[in-house]
Protein backbone atom coordinates (compact mmCIF):
# COMPACT_ATOMS: atom_id res chain seq x y z
CA MET A 1 104.68 84.89 80.44
CA HIS A 2 106.26 81.50 79.73
CA ARG A 3 104.92 79.62 76.71
CA ASP A 4 103.53 76.95 79.09
CA GLY A 5 101.66 79.60 81.06
CA HIS A 6 104.08 80.15 83.98
CA ARG A 7 104.50 83.69 85.20
CA GLU A 8 105.62 85.42 88.33
CA GLN A 9 104.00 88.43 89.89
CA THR A 10 104.69 90.58 92.89
CA ALA A 11 103.34 93.69 94.54
CA MET A 12 104.97 96.39 96.61
CA LEU A 13 103.07 98.87 98.74
CA LEU A 14 104.80 102.23 99.01
CA PRO A 15 103.78 105.35 100.90
CA VAL A 16 103.10 108.41 98.77
CA ASP A 17 106.20 110.63 98.78
CA ILE A 18 104.69 113.90 99.94
CA GLY A 19 107.62 116.27 99.79
CA LYS A 20 107.83 120.03 99.87
CA GLY A 21 106.53 121.54 96.66
CA ARG A 22 105.04 118.31 95.23
CA ASN A 23 101.44 118.01 94.16
CA ALA A 24 99.54 114.72 94.55
CA VAL A 25 100.40 113.43 91.06
CA GLN A 26 104.10 114.19 91.51
CA ALA A 27 104.07 112.46 94.92
CA VAL A 28 102.68 109.23 93.40
CA GLY A 29 105.15 109.45 90.50
CA SER A 30 108.06 109.88 92.90
CA SER A 31 107.08 106.81 94.92
CA THR A 32 106.54 104.75 91.77
CA THR A 33 109.96 105.69 90.36
CA TYR A 34 111.64 104.89 93.68
CA GLY A 35 109.94 101.49 93.84
CA LYS A 36 110.87 100.59 90.26
CA ARG A 37 114.50 101.52 90.83
CA TYR A 38 114.85 99.36 93.94
CA VAL A 39 113.01 96.38 92.44
CA MET A 40 115.18 96.57 89.33
CA CYS A 41 118.34 96.66 91.47
CA ALA A 42 117.16 93.61 93.40
CA LEU A 43 116.35 91.64 90.24
CA LEU A 44 119.62 92.50 88.48
CA ASN A 45 121.84 92.17 91.57
CA ILE A 46 122.88 95.83 91.51
CA TRP A 47 124.06 97.03 94.90
CA LYS A 48 125.56 100.17 96.34
CA ILE A 49 128.82 100.78 98.17
CA THR A 50 128.95 103.87 100.37
CA ASP A 51 132.25 105.17 101.76
CA GLY A 52 130.71 107.97 103.81
CA GLU A 53 131.11 110.63 101.13
CA SER A 54 129.91 109.08 97.90
CA THR A 55 127.86 106.16 96.67
CA ILE A 56 129.02 103.82 93.90
CA ASP A 57 126.59 101.63 91.97
CA VAL A 58 128.03 98.19 91.32
CA MET A 59 126.52 95.60 89.03
CA GLU A 60 127.64 92.00 89.23
CA LEU A 61 127.00 90.03 86.07
CA ARG A 62 126.59 86.31 86.52
CA ARG A 63 126.22 83.70 83.82
CA ILE A 64 123.10 81.60 84.23
CA ASP A 65 122.92 78.42 82.23
CA VAL A 66 119.44 77.76 80.92
CA GLY A 67 118.54 74.34 79.64
CA GLU A 68 116.44 73.80 76.54
CA GLU A 69 113.56 72.52 78.72
CA GLN A 70 113.47 75.90 80.51
CA LEU A 71 112.98 77.90 77.32
């Protein structure tokens, strides 16, 4: 939370990942992990390149200038 009270919040509804051999707790954990991974990639601008045989994770780092009034 920002010192002036600003905060951002979001929600993501995911289906429970009922796969072969998973119990109910594992199914919820699998969906939660999947959701966290994709949200993190979106926030950090991490994207994937697929060439048909393999997938490469690429992270682009960008400098963001933050003014004193934003801190």
